[in-house]
Protein backbone atom coordinates (compact mmCIF):
# COMPACT_ATOMS: atom_id res chain seq x y z
CA MET A 1 0.00 0.00 0.00
CA SER A 2 1.38 3.43 -0.94
CA ASP A 3 2.07 6.13 1.62
CA PRO A 4 -0.46 8.94 2.06
CA ALA A 5 0.32 12.00 -0.01
CA LEU A 6 0.12 14.07 3.18
CA ALA A 7 -0.05 13.01 6.81
CA LEU A 8 -0.05 15.15 9.93
CA ASP A 9 0.58 13.30 13.18
CA GLY A 10 -0.12 14.93 16.54
CA ILE A 11 0.54 18.51 15.46
CA GLU A 12 0.78 21.03 18.30
CA LYS A 13 1.21 24.78 17.92
CA VAL A 14 1.32 27.26 20.78
CA TYR A 15 1.91 31.00 20.61
CA LEU A 16 3.50 32.81 23.58
CA ARG A 17 4.47 29.44 25.06
CA GLY A 18 5.03 29.62 28.81
CA ARG A 19 3.83 33.21 29.07
CA PRO A 20 0.61 34.77 30.35
CA GLY A 21 -1.90 34.76 27.56
CA GLU A 22 -0.49 31.59 25.98
CA VAL A 23 -2.64 30.53 22.99
CA ARG A 24 -2.88 26.86 22.02
CA VAL A 25 -3.73 27.09 18.32
CA LEU A 26 -3.46 23.41 17.38
CA GLU A 27 -3.81 20.52 19.83
CA GLY A 28 -2.87 17.05 18.65
CA VAL A 29 -4.09 17.54 15.08
CA SER A 30 -3.78 14.44 12.88
CA LEU A 31 -5.00 13.84 9.35
CA SER A 32 -4.16 11.78 6.29
CA LEU A 33 -4.82 12.53 2.61
CA ASP A 34 -4.46 9.91 -0.10
CA PRO A 35 -3.46 10.64 -3.70
CA GLY A 36 -6.48 11.82 -5.68
CA GLU A 37 -8.43 12.81 -2.56
CA VAL A 38 -10.01 16.25 -2.20
CA VAL A 39 -10.77 17.24 1.40
CA ALA A 40 -12.51 20.36 2.71
CA LEU A 41 -11.18 22.13 5.79
CA VAL A 42 -13.91 24.15 7.51
CA ALA A 43 -13.20 26.39 10.47
CA PRO A 44 -14.48 29.59 12.07
CA SER A 45 -12.29 32.66 11.73
CA GLY A 46 -9.31 32.56 14.05
CA ALA A 47 -9.51 28.81 14.60
CA GLY A 48 -6.05 28.16 13.18
CA LYS A 49 -6.77 26.88 9.67
CA SER A 50 -4.13 29.11 8.07
CA THR A 51 -1.61 27.97 10.69
CA LEU A 52 -2.50 24.36 9.93
CA LEU A 53 -2.07 24.90 6.19
CA HIS A 54 1.27 26.65 6.71
CA ILE A 55 2.56 23.79 8.83
CA ALA A 56 1.29 21.21 6.34
CA GLY A 57 2.99 23.15 3.53
CA LEU A 58 6.30 23.47 5.42
CA LEU A 59 6.01 27.25 5.66
CA ASP A 60 5.89 27.04 9.47
CA THR A 61 7.05 24.49 12.01
CA ALA A 62 4.97 22.79 14.68
CA ASP A 63 5.96 22.72 18.34
CA ALA A 64 5.32 18.98 18.32
CA GLY A 65 4.19 16.33 15.87
CA ARG A 66 5.20 15.19 12.40
CA VAL A 67 4.52 16.33 8.84
CA LEU A 68 4.94 13.55 6.31
CA ILE A 69 4.75 14.13 2.58
CA GLY A 70 4.88 10.97 0.51
CA GLY A 71 6.09 9.14 3.62
CA ALA A 72 9.06 11.46 4.23
CA ASP A 73 9.09 13.22 7.62
CA LEU A 74 9.80 16.84 6.70
CA GLY A 75 8.24 18.86 9.50
CA HIS A 76 11.53 19.50 11.27
CA ALA A 77 13.93 18.96 8.39
CA SER A 78 16.63 21.50 7.57
CA ASP A 79 15.58 24.78 5.96
CA ARG A 80 17.25 23.71 2.73
CA ARG A 81 15.41 20.40 2.57
CA ARG A 82 12.08 22.01 3.47
CA THR A 83 12.52 24.64 0.77
CA ALA A 84 13.32 21.98 -1.83
CA ALA A 85 10.30 19.92 -0.75
CA ARG A 86 7.98 22.93 -0.96
CA ARG A 87 9.15 23.61 -4.49
CA ARG A 88 8.69 20.03 -5.68
CA GLU A 89 5.99 18.52 -3.52
CA VAL A 90 3.53 21.26 -2.50
CA GLY A 91 1.38 23.71 -4.44
CA PHE A 92 -0.31 26.69 -2.77
CA VAL A 93 -3.39 28.67 -3.75
CA TYR A 94 -4.63 31.63 -1.70
CA GLN A 95 -7.76 33.77 -1.62
CA PHE A 96 -5.90 36.45 -3.61
CA HIS A 97 -4.07 35.23 -6.69
CA HIS A 98 -0.66 36.85 -5.97
CA LEU A 99 0.34 36.64 -9.62
CA LEU A 100 3.42 38.63 -10.64
CA PRO A 101 1.92 41.69 -12.37
CA GLU A 102 4.80 42.33 -14.77
CA PHE A 103 4.62 38.84 -16.30
CA THR A 104 2.01 37.25 -18.57
CA ALA A 105 -0.26 34.40 -17.51
CA LEU A 106 2.01 31.97 -19.35
CA GLU A 107 5.14 33.38 -17.72
CA ASN A 108 3.58 33.16 -14.26
CA VAL A 109 3.17 29.40 -14.78
CA VAL A 110 6.57 28.99 -16.42
CA LEU A 111 8.65 30.73 -13.74
CA PRO A 112 8.16 28.16 -10.92
CA GLN A 113 9.27 25.44 -13.32
CA LEU A 114 12.41 27.31 -14.31
CA ALA A 115 13.22 27.75 -10.62
CA ASN A 116 12.90 23.99 -10.27
CA GLY A 117 15.36 23.34 -13.08
CA THR A 118 12.93 22.59 -15.93
CA LEU A 119 14.08 23.59 -19.42
CA ARG A 120 12.21 26.58 -20.83
CA GLY A 121 10.66 24.71 -23.77
CA GLN A 122 9.30 22.00 -21.51
CA ALA A 123 8.09 24.58 -19.00
CA GLU A 124 6.21 26.54 -21.65
CA SER A 125 4.63 23.38 -23.04
CA ARG A 126 3.38 22.33 -19.60
CA ALA A 127 2.17 25.86 -18.84
CA ARG A 128 0.12 25.96 -22.06
CA ASP A 129 -1.35 22.55 -21.28
CA LEU A 130 -2.38 23.60 -17.77
CA LEU A 131 -3.90 26.88 -18.97
CA ALA A 132 -5.87 24.96 -21.60
CA ARG A 133 -7.22 22.57 -18.98
CA VAL A 134 -8.81 25.43 -17.07
CA GLY A 135 -10.03 27.26 -20.17
CA VAL A 136 -7.74 30.29 -20.23
CA GLU A 137 -5.30 29.30 -22.96
CA ASP A 138 -6.49 32.26 -25.04
CA ARG A 139 -5.32 34.60 -22.24
CA ALA A 140 -1.78 33.21 -22.05
CA ALA A 141 -0.15 36.38 -23.39
CA HIS A 142 -2.11 38.74 -21.11
CA ARG A 143 -0.78 40.19 -17.88
CA PRO A 144 -2.88 39.78 -14.70
CA ALA A 145 -4.35 43.31 -14.92
CA ALA A 146 -6.00 42.34 -18.21
CA LEU A 147 -7.65 39.24 -16.71
CA SER A 148 -10.90 38.93 -14.79
CA GLY A 149 -10.82 37.80 -11.16
CA GLY A 150 -11.88 34.30 -12.14
CA GLN A 151 -9.25 34.10 -14.87
CA GLN A 152 -6.54 35.30 -12.49
CA GLN A 153 -7.43 32.61 -9.99
CA ARG A 154 -7.39 29.92 -12.68
CA VAL A 155 -3.89 31.00 -13.63
CA ALA A 156 -2.97 30.82 -9.94
CA PHE A 157 -4.18 27.20 -9.89
CA CYS A 158 -1.98 26.42 -12.87
CA ARG A 159 1.00 28.07 -11.20
CA ALA A 160 0.40 25.97 -8.07
CA LEU A 161 0.42 22.79 -10.14
CA ALA A 162 3.26 23.80 -12.46
CA ASN A 163 5.82 21.51 -10.84
CA ALA A 164 3.41 18.56 -10.57
CA PRO A 165 3.28 18.58 -6.76
CA ARG A 166 2.09 15.72 -4.61
CA VAL A 167 -0.13 17.98 -2.46
CA LEU A 168 -2.24 21.07 -3.13
CA LEU A 169 -3.09 23.37 -0.22
CA ALA A 170 -5.70 26.06 -0.85
CA ASP A 171 -6.82 28.76 1.59
CA GLU A 172 -10.25 30.13 0.60
CA PRO A 173 -9.39 29.93 -3.13
CA THR A 174 -12.77 31.29 -4.22
CA GLY A 175 -13.40 33.61 -1.28
CA ASN A 176 -12.70 36.76 -3.27
CA LEU A 177 -15.12 35.90 -6.09
CA ASP A 178 -18.86 36.33 -6.58
CA PRO A 179 -20.89 33.09 -6.12
CA GLU A 180 -21.35 32.34 -9.82
CA THR A 181 -17.68 32.90 -10.66
CA ALA A 182 -16.64 30.98 -7.54
CA ALA A 183 -18.61 27.94 -8.68
CA LEU A 184 -17.06 28.05 -12.16
CA VAL A 185 -13.55 28.49 -10.81
CA PHE A 186 -14.04 25.66 -8.32
CA ASP A 187 -15.22 23.43 -11.19
CA ALA A 188 -11.93 24.14 -12.94
CA LEU A 189 -9.91 23.45 -9.79
CA LEU A 190 -11.71 20.21 -9.05
CA ALA A 191 -11.28 18.96 -12.62
CA LEU A 192 -7.59 19.80 -12.57
CA VAL A 193 -7.04 18.03 -9.25
CA ARG A 194 -8.95 14.94 -10.41
CA GLU A 195 -7.00 14.77 -13.67
CA THR A 196 -3.60 15.07 -12.01
CA GLY A 197 -4.35 12.73 -9.08
CA LEU A 198 -2.74 14.83 -6.39
CA ALA A 199 -4.17 15.23 -2.88
CA ALA A 200 -5.87 18.53 -2.07
CA LEU A 201 -6.74 20.14 1.26
CA ILE A 202 -9.01 23.13 0.61
CA ALA A 203 -10.05 25.55 3.33
CA THR A 204 -13.43 27.11 2.64
CA HIS A 205 -16.34 28.83 4.37
CA ASN A 206 -18.65 27.85 1.52
CA PRO A 207 -20.80 24.84 2.54
CA ALA A 208 -21.88 24.19 -1.05
CA LEU A 209 -18.26 23.82 -2.17
CA ALA A 210 -17.35 21.75 0.88
CA ALA A 211 -20.18 19.35 0.12
CA ARG A 212 -18.69 18.62 -3.31
CA MET A 213 -15.43 17.33 -1.87
CA ASP A 214 -14.68 13.76 -0.80
CA ARG A 215 -14.99 14.55 2.89
CA VAL A 216 -15.06 17.46 5.30
CA LEU A 217 -12.79 18.11 8.27
CA ARG A 218 -13.71 20.71 10.88
CA LEU A 219 -11.18 22.60 12.97
CA ASP A 220 -12.44 24.22 16.16
CA ARG A 221 -10.59 25.26 19.30
CA GLY A 222 -7.43 23.64 18.05
CA ARG A 223 -8.93 20.21 17.45
CA LEU A 224 -9.83 18.49 14.21
CA SER A 225 -12.91 16.33 13.67
CA ALA A 226 -14.78 14.74 10.80
CA GLY A 227 -17.46 17.00 9.38
C-alpha cells in the first residue's frame, strides 16, 4: 500500500508558550490525505486553519508532531530540505491570486518550473497545457491586470500545479469571487485536481463547495474532527 500524499501526526502549535496569555492554536491535530483525494477544511475565523495549512505546507514548524509528505518526515527537516520539498511537492493557492503583475499568464506558470530546473521549452509546453485545462489558454499572453478575477485565480491554480506537486493546499481559493464565478472556478480546480491525481486540502467557508469534496474536516478550538 502506498504512503499517504500528506499526513499530519499529533501537530501542536502554541503562541507565547510559557507566558501569560499563551494561545494553544493546534492541539494534537492528525490527518491523512491519499493521492487523488479532495478534502474540505472548515473552520471559524481565528480557529487556526491558516496555521494548519502553513505547517502542512512546510512554511511554518509545529511545536510537536510530524509532517509527512509521501512518507518522508519533513516537519523539522533543515531549511534547505524544506525549501526543496515545498518547491517540488507542494502547491499553494490563496484567496488572492498573488500573480506577478509584470509577467504574462504563461510566464507566471513557467517561472516556478524554471526555478525547479525545468528547461524553458518543456516549461512553456506544460504551462500551455495547464492553462488549456482550465479554459484560459487564449489569455496566455495577457498580464494579470488584463484578466478577470476568475481568470486570475485559474492562472494561480496552474501556477500551483506547475511543478506537478504531490499535495495542493488552498486557503479560501474562491473567497474573493462572486458566487457564480466561484462555482465556475471551483469546477476548474476540481477537474484539474482529479486529472492530475494529487491530494488537495481546501479551506473554505462555503458549505456548497465543501459538500462537493470527498470529505469534510472541521477545525475548532485547536482540534480536528470529521465533518
